[in-house]
Structures are given as structure tokens and as C-alpha cells.
């Protein structure tokens, strides 16, 4: 279970596909990192916000038939590794697509969607998913 404070801190990244970029080696990361795993100490204080490209293509995918209880209402569904146009790899659900139409290389774009809600409290969680272009 995640805390409300953590959910609020993660909103910019989830809603806007915001990552970070290292000013030392120019590598971009998603989700955000406070230091570059490549440059390590040299990157401290040199990581800047980076807007990840919202378009890309399916690099690989899987169809989920048996899912956790919280996802029972949407199964079967597609999860994929998306290579964005700026070269980042993002794991995400692919929605608004027929399962038999999904293929490697399929162009997709990120959209904001409802992910789930917290039962009685009524808190709705939003995040990104990818849809065919």
C-alpha cells in the first residue's frame, strides 16, 4: 500500500511522463533519478527535468490472462515495453486495442487514464497507458 504523500510526489512523472537527464553524459531516464547510474558522483546536482517523448513503438509485449484481483475487470490485457522516439524504454499497459492486432513495431502514444480507485475512500489513481496511433 502506498502513502498519499508518495502518490502526490509521483504525479508529475505519471501524468506528464517526466524523467530526468544527466548533464554529464546526456542520458535520459524514466522514471526520474536523483543521480545517474553511469556517472554516479559526477552527476550529483547535475540531473535536470526531462520531458519524455510521448510517442514510440512496441518493442515487445505480452498478453496477461491471469491477473491480480485488482485487474480482473480488464483482463485479458496487453503489457508492453515501449521504445519512445527519444530512445527510452517504458513498461506500460497498452489499451484501446484488439489483442489480435498488437504487434512488435506498432506505433503508440502515451495517454492519461484512470488506473484504479481506492474502494470506500473514493480516491482515483491516474497514470499513463499507451494506445495505438
N, C-alpha and C. Protein backbone atom coordinates (compact mmCIF):
# COMPACT_ATOMS: atom_id res chain seq x y z
N UNK A 1 0.85 -1.19 0.00
CA UNK A 1 0.00 0.00 0.00
C UNK A 1 0.88 1.24 0.00
N UNK A 2 0.59 2.19 -0.84
CA UNK A 2 1.39 3.39 -0.92
C UNK A 2 0.75 4.52 -0.13
N UNK A 3 1.60 5.43 0.30
CA UNK A 3 1.09 6.56 1.08
C UNK A 3 0.56 7.64 0.15
N UNK A 4 -0.33 8.47 0.68
CA UNK A 4 -0.89 9.57 -0.11
C UNK A 4 0.22 10.54 -0.51
N UNK A 5 1.17 10.79 0.40
CA UNK A 5 2.26 11.71 0.10
C UNK A 5 3.09 11.20 -1.08
N UNK A 6 3.37 9.91 -1.12
CA UNK A 6 4.13 9.33 -2.23
C UNK A 6 3.35 9.48 -3.53
N UNK A 7 2.05 9.22 -3.49
CA UNK A 7 1.22 9.37 -4.69
C UNK A 7 1.31 10.79 -5.24
N UNK A 8 1.25 11.79 -4.36
CA UNK A 8 1.31 13.18 -4.81
C UNK A 8 2.68 13.52 -5.38
N UNK A 9 3.76 12.99 -4.78
CA UNK A 9 5.11 13.25 -5.29
C UNK A 9 5.30 12.66 -6.68
N UNK A 10 4.64 11.55 -6.96
CA UNK A 10 4.82 10.87 -8.24
C UNK A 10 3.93 11.43 -9.36
N UNK A 11 3.02 12.33 -9.04
CA UNK A 11 2.08 12.85 -10.04
C UNK A 11 2.78 13.46 -11.25
N UNK A 12 3.79 14.34 -11.09
CA UNK A 12 4.40 14.91 -12.30
C UNK A 12 4.95 13.85 -13.26
N UNK A 13 5.60 12.85 -12.75
CA UNK A 13 6.14 11.80 -13.60
C UNK A 13 5.07 10.96 -14.26
N UNK A 14 4.04 10.59 -13.50
CA UNK A 14 2.97 9.75 -14.03
C UNK A 14 2.09 10.50 -15.02
N UNK A 15 1.77 11.74 -14.70
CA UNK A 15 0.84 12.49 -15.54
C UNK A 15 1.51 13.06 -16.78
N UNK A 16 2.77 13.39 -16.69
CA UNK A 16 3.44 14.10 -17.78
C UNK A 16 4.60 13.34 -18.41
N UNK A 17 4.82 12.11 -18.01
CA UNK A 17 5.99 11.35 -18.46
C UNK A 17 7.26 12.18 -18.28
N UNK A 18 7.46 12.64 -17.08
CA UNK A 18 8.62 13.46 -16.77
C UNK A 18 9.69 12.59 -16.14
N UNK A 19 10.86 12.65 -16.73
CA UNK A 19 12.02 11.93 -16.21
C UNK A 19 13.11 12.91 -15.86
N UNK A 20 14.35 12.45 -15.92
CA UNK A 20 15.49 13.32 -15.68
C UNK A 20 16.56 13.03 -16.74
N UNK A 21 17.44 14.02 -16.91
CA UNK A 21 18.54 13.88 -17.85
C UNK A 21 19.82 14.28 -17.14
N UNK A 22 20.87 13.51 -17.36
CA UNK A 22 22.17 13.80 -16.77
C UNK A 22 22.90 14.80 -17.66
N UNK A 23 23.34 15.90 -17.08
CA UNK A 23 24.07 16.91 -17.84
C UNK A 23 25.51 16.49 -18.13
N UNK A 24 25.99 15.45 -17.47
CA UNK A 24 27.36 14.99 -17.69
C UNK A 24 27.42 14.10 -18.94
N UNK A 25 26.58 13.06 -19.00
CA UNK A 25 26.64 12.11 -20.12
C UNK A 25 25.48 12.26 -21.11
N UNK A 26 24.52 13.14 -20.79
CA UNK A 26 23.36 13.41 -21.66
C UNK A 26 22.36 12.26 -21.73
N UNK A 27 22.45 11.25 -20.87
CA UNK A 27 21.48 10.15 -20.87
C UNK A 27 20.22 10.58 -20.14
N UNK A 28 19.08 10.15 -20.68
CA UNK A 28 17.79 10.45 -20.06
C UNK A 28 17.28 9.19 -19.36
N UNK A 29 16.48 9.40 -18.31
CA UNK A 29 15.95 8.29 -17.52
C UNK A 29 14.48 8.50 -17.21
N UNK A 30 13.76 7.41 -17.19
CA UNK A 30 12.38 7.41 -16.72
C UNK A 30 12.16 6.09 -16.00
N UNK A 31 11.65 6.14 -14.77
CA UNK A 31 11.27 7.34 -14.01
C UNK A 31 12.50 8.15 -13.59
N UNK A 32 12.25 9.30 -12.99
CA UNK A 32 13.31 10.21 -12.58
C UNK A 32 14.30 9.55 -11.64
N UNK A 33 15.52 10.01 -11.72
CA UNK A 33 16.58 9.55 -10.82
C UNK A 33 17.27 10.78 -10.23
N UNK A 34 17.78 10.63 -9.03
CA UNK A 34 18.48 11.75 -8.41
C UNK A 34 19.96 11.77 -8.79
N UNK A 35 20.52 10.61 -9.16
CA UNK A 35 21.88 10.55 -9.69
C UNK A 35 21.89 9.61 -10.89
N UNK A 36 22.84 9.81 -11.76
CA UNK A 36 22.98 8.99 -12.96
C UNK A 36 23.72 7.70 -12.58
N UNK A 37 23.15 6.53 -12.91
CA UNK A 37 23.83 5.28 -12.56
C UNK A 37 25.13 5.08 -13.35
N UNK A 38 25.29 5.83 -14.42
CA UNK A 38 26.50 5.73 -15.23
C UNK A 38 27.60 6.66 -14.69
N UNK A 39 27.23 7.90 -14.40
CA UNK A 39 28.20 8.91 -13.97
C UNK A 39 28.40 8.94 -12.45
N UNK A 40 27.46 8.41 -11.75
CA UNK A 40 27.47 8.33 -10.28
C UNK A 40 27.73 9.69 -9.64
N UNK A 41 28.81 9.80 -8.86
CA UNK A 41 29.06 11.02 -8.08
C UNK A 41 29.19 12.27 -8.94
N UNK A 42 29.69 12.13 -10.15
CA UNK A 42 29.86 13.30 -11.01
C UNK A 42 28.51 13.93 -11.39
N UNK A 43 27.43 13.14 -11.28
CA UNK A 43 26.11 13.65 -11.68
C UNK A 43 25.34 14.31 -10.54
N UNK A 44 25.86 14.27 -9.34
CA UNK A 44 25.16 14.88 -8.21
C UNK A 44 24.98 16.37 -8.48
N UNK A 45 23.73 16.82 -8.44
CA UNK A 45 23.40 18.21 -8.71
C UNK A 45 23.34 18.53 -10.19
N UNK A 46 23.53 17.52 -11.04
CA UNK A 46 23.55 17.76 -12.49
C UNK A 46 22.48 16.94 -13.21
N UNK A 47 21.43 16.58 -12.48
CA UNK A 47 20.29 15.90 -13.09
C UNK A 47 19.18 16.93 -13.25
N UNK A 48 18.67 17.07 -14.46
CA UNK A 48 17.66 18.08 -14.74
C UNK A 48 16.37 17.42 -15.21
N UNK A 49 15.22 18.08 -15.02
CA UNK A 49 13.96 17.51 -15.50
C UNK A 49 14.00 17.29 -17.01
N UNK A 50 13.33 16.24 -17.45
CA UNK A 50 13.31 15.88 -18.86
C UNK A 50 11.92 15.40 -19.24
N UNK A 51 11.35 15.97 -20.27
CA UNK A 51 10.04 15.55 -20.76
C UNK A 51 10.23 14.42 -21.78
N UNK A 52 9.77 13.24 -21.42
CA UNK A 52 9.91 12.07 -22.27
C UNK A 52 8.96 12.20 -23.46
N UNK A 53 9.42 11.81 -24.62
CA UNK A 53 8.58 11.82 -25.81
C UNK A 53 7.40 10.88 -25.58
N UNK A 54 6.21 11.32 -25.90
CA UNK A 54 5.01 10.53 -25.65
C UNK A 54 4.69 9.55 -26.78
N UNK A 55 5.49 9.55 -27.83
CA UNK A 55 5.25 8.64 -28.95
C UNK A 55 6.38 7.63 -29.05
N UNK A 56 6.04 6.46 -29.54
CA UNK A 56 7.04 5.42 -29.69
C UNK A 56 6.45 4.22 -30.39
N UNK A 57 7.06 3.05 -30.14
CA UNK A 57 6.56 1.82 -30.73
C UNK A 57 6.74 0.67 -29.76
N UNK A 58 5.94 -0.37 -29.97
CA UNK A 58 6.03 -1.54 -29.11
C UNK A 58 7.31 -2.30 -29.44
N UNK A 59 8.15 -2.46 -28.43
CA UNK A 59 9.42 -3.19 -28.56
C UNK A 59 9.19 -4.69 -28.36
N UNK A 60 8.40 -5.02 -27.34
CA UNK A 60 7.96 -6.38 -27.07
C UNK A 60 6.71 -6.31 -26.22
N UNK A 61 5.95 -7.40 -26.15
CA UNK A 61 4.70 -7.35 -25.39
C UNK A 61 4.30 -8.74 -24.91
N UNK A 62 3.34 -8.73 -24.01
CA UNK A 62 2.75 -9.97 -23.50
C UNK A 62 1.27 -9.71 -23.25
N UNK A 63 0.48 -10.74 -23.40
CA UNK A 63 -0.94 -10.64 -23.09
C UNK A 63 -1.17 -11.31 -21.75
N UNK A 64 -1.76 -10.57 -20.83
CA UNK A 64 -2.00 -11.06 -19.47
C UNK A 64 -3.40 -11.65 -19.39
N UNK A 65 -3.47 -12.95 -19.11
CA UNK A 65 -4.76 -13.63 -18.97
C UNK A 65 -5.12 -13.86 -17.51
N UNK A 66 -4.12 -14.08 -16.67
CA UNK A 66 -4.32 -14.25 -15.23
C UNK A 66 -3.69 -13.06 -14.53
N UNK A 67 -4.50 -12.27 -13.87
CA UNK A 67 -4.04 -11.02 -13.29
C UNK A 67 -4.37 -10.93 -11.81
N UNK A 68 -3.74 -9.99 -11.10
CA UNK A 68 -4.11 -9.74 -9.72
C UNK A 68 -5.59 -9.35 -9.64
N UNK A 69 -6.18 -9.56 -8.50
CA UNK A 69 -7.61 -9.28 -8.32
C UNK A 69 -8.00 -7.87 -8.72
N UNK A 70 -7.12 -6.91 -8.47
CA UNK A 70 -7.44 -5.52 -8.80
C UNK A 70 -7.57 -5.30 -10.31
N UNK A 71 -7.05 -6.20 -11.12
CA UNK A 71 -7.12 -6.05 -12.58
C UNK A 71 -8.08 -7.04 -13.24
N UNK A 72 -8.86 -7.75 -12.45
CA UNK A 72 -9.78 -8.74 -13.00
C UNK A 72 -10.76 -8.16 -14.02
N UNK A 73 -11.17 -6.92 -13.81
CA UNK A 73 -12.18 -6.34 -14.70
C UNK A 73 -11.63 -5.97 -16.07
N UNK A 74 -10.31 -5.92 -16.22
CA UNK A 74 -9.75 -5.52 -17.51
C UNK A 74 -9.05 -6.66 -18.25
N UNK A 75 -8.97 -7.83 -17.64
CA UNK A 75 -8.24 -8.91 -18.32
C UNK A 75 -9.10 -9.58 -19.38
N UNK A 76 -8.52 -10.11 -20.41
CA UNK A 76 -7.08 -10.06 -20.70
C UNK A 76 -6.67 -8.67 -21.19
N UNK A 77 -5.40 -8.35 -20.96
CA UNK A 77 -4.89 -7.05 -21.38
C UNK A 77 -3.44 -7.18 -21.82
N UNK A 78 -2.97 -6.14 -22.50
CA UNK A 78 -1.61 -6.14 -23.06
C UNK A 78 -0.69 -5.30 -22.18
N UNK A 79 0.47 -5.85 -21.85
CA UNK A 79 1.54 -5.08 -21.24
C UNK A 79 2.69 -5.10 -22.23
N UNK A 80 3.39 -3.99 -22.34
CA UNK A 80 4.43 -3.90 -23.35
C UNK A 80 5.62 -3.09 -22.86
N UNK A 81 6.73 -3.32 -23.50
CA UNK A 81 7.90 -2.48 -23.34
C UNK A 81 7.88 -1.56 -24.56
N UNK A 82 7.75 -0.27 -24.30
CA UNK A 82 7.64 0.73 -25.35
C UNK A 82 8.98 1.43 -25.52
N UNK A 83 9.47 1.51 -26.76
CA UNK A 83 10.66 2.32 -27.03
C UNK A 83 10.16 3.65 -27.56
N UNK A 84 10.40 4.71 -26.76
CA UNK A 84 9.94 6.04 -27.17
C UNK A 84 10.83 6.57 -28.29
N UNK A 85 10.36 7.58 -28.99
CA UNK A 85 11.13 8.15 -30.09
C UNK A 85 12.46 8.74 -29.64
N UNK A 86 12.56 9.07 -28.34
CA UNK A 86 13.84 9.56 -27.82
C UNK A 86 14.68 8.45 -27.21
N UNK A 87 14.28 7.19 -27.44
CA UNK A 87 15.11 6.04 -27.08
C UNK A 87 14.91 5.44 -25.70
N UNK A 88 14.03 5.99 -24.90
CA UNK A 88 13.79 5.42 -23.58
C UNK A 88 12.89 4.20 -23.69
N UNK A 89 13.03 3.26 -22.76
CA UNK A 89 12.18 2.08 -22.70
C UNK A 89 11.25 2.24 -21.50
N UNK A 90 9.94 2.12 -21.74
CA UNK A 90 8.94 2.29 -20.70
C UNK A 90 8.02 1.08 -20.70
N UNK A 91 7.83 0.48 -19.53
CA UNK A 91 6.88 -0.62 -19.38
C UNK A 91 5.51 -0.02 -19.12
N UNK A 92 4.50 -0.50 -19.84
CA UNK A 92 3.17 0.07 -19.70
C UNK A 92 2.11 -0.88 -20.22
N UNK A 93 0.89 -0.60 -19.82
CA UNK A 93 -0.25 -1.29 -20.40
C UNK A 93 -0.58 -0.61 -21.72
N UNK A 94 -1.01 -1.41 -22.71
CA UNK A 94 -1.49 -0.88 -23.98
C UNK A 94 -2.99 -1.09 -23.98
N UNK A 95 -3.75 -0.03 -24.17
CA UNK A 95 -5.20 -0.14 -24.13
C UNK A 95 -5.81 0.34 -25.45
N UNK A 96 -7.13 0.20 -25.54
CA UNK A 96 -7.88 0.61 -26.73
C UNK A 96 -7.39 -0.11 -27.99
N UNK A 97 -7.10 -1.41 -27.84
CA UNK A 97 -6.59 -2.18 -28.96
C UNK A 97 -7.13 -3.61 -28.87
N UNK A 98 -7.43 -4.20 -30.02
CA UNK A 98 -7.81 -5.61 -30.05
C UNK A 98 -6.55 -6.44 -29.83
N UNK A 99 -6.65 -7.45 -28.99
CA UNK A 99 -5.47 -8.26 -28.65
C UNK A 99 -4.80 -8.84 -29.89
N UNK A 100 -5.59 -9.27 -30.86
CA UNK A 100 -5.02 -9.89 -32.06
C UNK A 100 -4.34 -8.88 -32.98
N UNK A 101 -4.54 -7.59 -32.76
CA UNK A 101 -3.92 -6.56 -33.60
C UNK A 101 -2.58 -6.08 -33.08
N UNK A 102 -2.22 -6.43 -31.85
CA UNK A 102 -0.98 -5.96 -31.25
C UNK A 102 0.21 -6.65 -31.92
N UNK A 103 1.23 -5.86 -32.26
CA UNK A 103 2.42 -6.44 -32.87
C UNK A 103 3.65 -5.60 -32.54
N UNK A 104 4.80 -6.24 -32.59
CA UNK A 104 6.06 -5.54 -32.37
C UNK A 104 6.22 -4.51 -33.48
N UNK A 105 6.62 -3.30 -33.11
CA UNK A 105 6.78 -2.22 -34.06
C UNK A 105 5.55 -1.35 -34.20
N UNK A 106 4.43 -1.73 -33.56
CA UNK A 106 3.20 -0.95 -33.65
C UNK A 106 3.42 0.44 -33.06
N UNK A 107 3.09 1.51 -33.80
CA UNK A 107 3.23 2.86 -33.25
C UNK A 107 2.19 3.13 -32.17
N UNK A 108 2.63 3.74 -31.08
CA UNK A 108 1.75 4.04 -29.94
C UNK A 108 2.08 5.43 -29.40
N UNK A 109 1.15 5.94 -28.58
CA UNK A 109 1.39 7.21 -27.89
C UNK A 109 0.84 7.10 -26.48
N UNK A 110 1.42 7.87 -25.58
CA UNK A 110 1.00 7.86 -24.18
C UNK A 110 -0.23 8.72 -23.98
N UNK A 111 -1.14 8.24 -23.14
CA UNK A 111 -2.34 8.98 -22.76
C UNK A 111 -2.53 8.85 -21.25
N UNK A 112 -3.25 9.79 -20.68
CA UNK A 112 -3.58 9.75 -19.25
C UNK A 112 -4.87 8.97 -19.08
N UNK A 113 -4.87 7.99 -18.18
CA UNK A 113 -6.05 7.16 -17.96
C UNK A 113 -6.23 6.87 -16.47
N UNK A 114 -7.44 6.52 -16.13
CA UNK A 114 -7.74 6.07 -14.77
C UNK A 114 -7.12 4.68 -14.62
N UNK A 115 -6.36 4.49 -13.53
CA UNK A 115 -5.74 3.20 -13.27
C UNK A 115 -6.58 2.37 -12.32
N UNK A 116 -7.02 3.00 -11.24
CA UNK A 116 -7.87 2.31 -10.27
C UNK A 116 -8.42 3.31 -9.27
N UNK A 117 -9.21 2.82 -8.32
CA UNK A 117 -9.73 3.68 -7.26
C UNK A 117 -9.67 2.92 -5.95
N UNK A 118 -9.57 3.69 -4.88
CA UNK A 118 -9.46 3.12 -3.54
C UNK A 118 -10.84 2.92 -2.94
N UNK A 119 -11.42 1.78 -3.14
CA UNK A 119 -12.70 1.39 -2.57
C UNK A 119 -13.53 2.48 -1.95
N UNK A 120 -13.74 2.39 -0.63
CA UNK A 120 -14.62 3.30 0.09
C UNK A 120 -14.14 4.73 0.15
N UNK A 121 -12.82 4.94 0.09
CA UNK A 121 -12.30 6.31 0.21
C UNK A 121 -12.56 7.13 -1.05
N UNK A 122 -12.75 6.45 -2.18
CA UNK A 122 -13.07 7.16 -3.41
C UNK A 122 -11.90 7.83 -4.10
N UNK A 123 -10.68 7.59 -3.64
CA UNK A 123 -9.51 8.20 -4.27
C UNK A 123 -9.27 7.51 -5.61
N UNK A 124 -9.19 8.30 -6.67
CA UNK A 124 -8.96 7.77 -8.01
C UNK A 124 -7.50 7.98 -8.38
N UNK A 125 -6.85 6.92 -8.87
CA UNK A 125 -5.45 6.98 -9.27
C UNK A 125 -5.37 7.05 -10.79
N UNK A 126 -4.66 8.04 -11.29
CA UNK A 126 -4.47 8.21 -12.73
C UNK A 126 -3.02 7.92 -13.07
N UNK A 127 -2.78 7.60 -14.31
CA UNK A 127 -1.42 7.37 -14.78
C UNK A 127 -1.42 7.23 -16.28
N UNK A 128 -0.28 6.86 -16.82
CA UNK A 128 -0.17 6.75 -18.27
C UNK A 128 -0.42 5.32 -18.74
N UNK A 129 -0.94 5.21 -19.93
CA UNK A 129 -1.05 3.98 -20.68
C UNK A 129 -0.72 4.36 -22.11
N UNK A 130 -0.48 3.40 -22.95
CA UNK A 130 -0.22 3.69 -24.36
C UNK A 130 -1.36 3.16 -25.20
N UNK A 131 -1.66 3.86 -26.28
CA UNK A 131 -2.72 3.47 -27.22
C UNK A 131 -2.13 3.52 -28.62
N UNK A 132 -2.69 2.72 -29.55
CA UNK A 132 -2.21 2.77 -30.93
C UNK A 132 -2.42 4.15 -31.54
N UNK A 133 -1.52 4.52 -32.43
CA UNK A 133 -1.61 5.81 -33.12
C UNK A 133 -2.49 5.64 -34.35
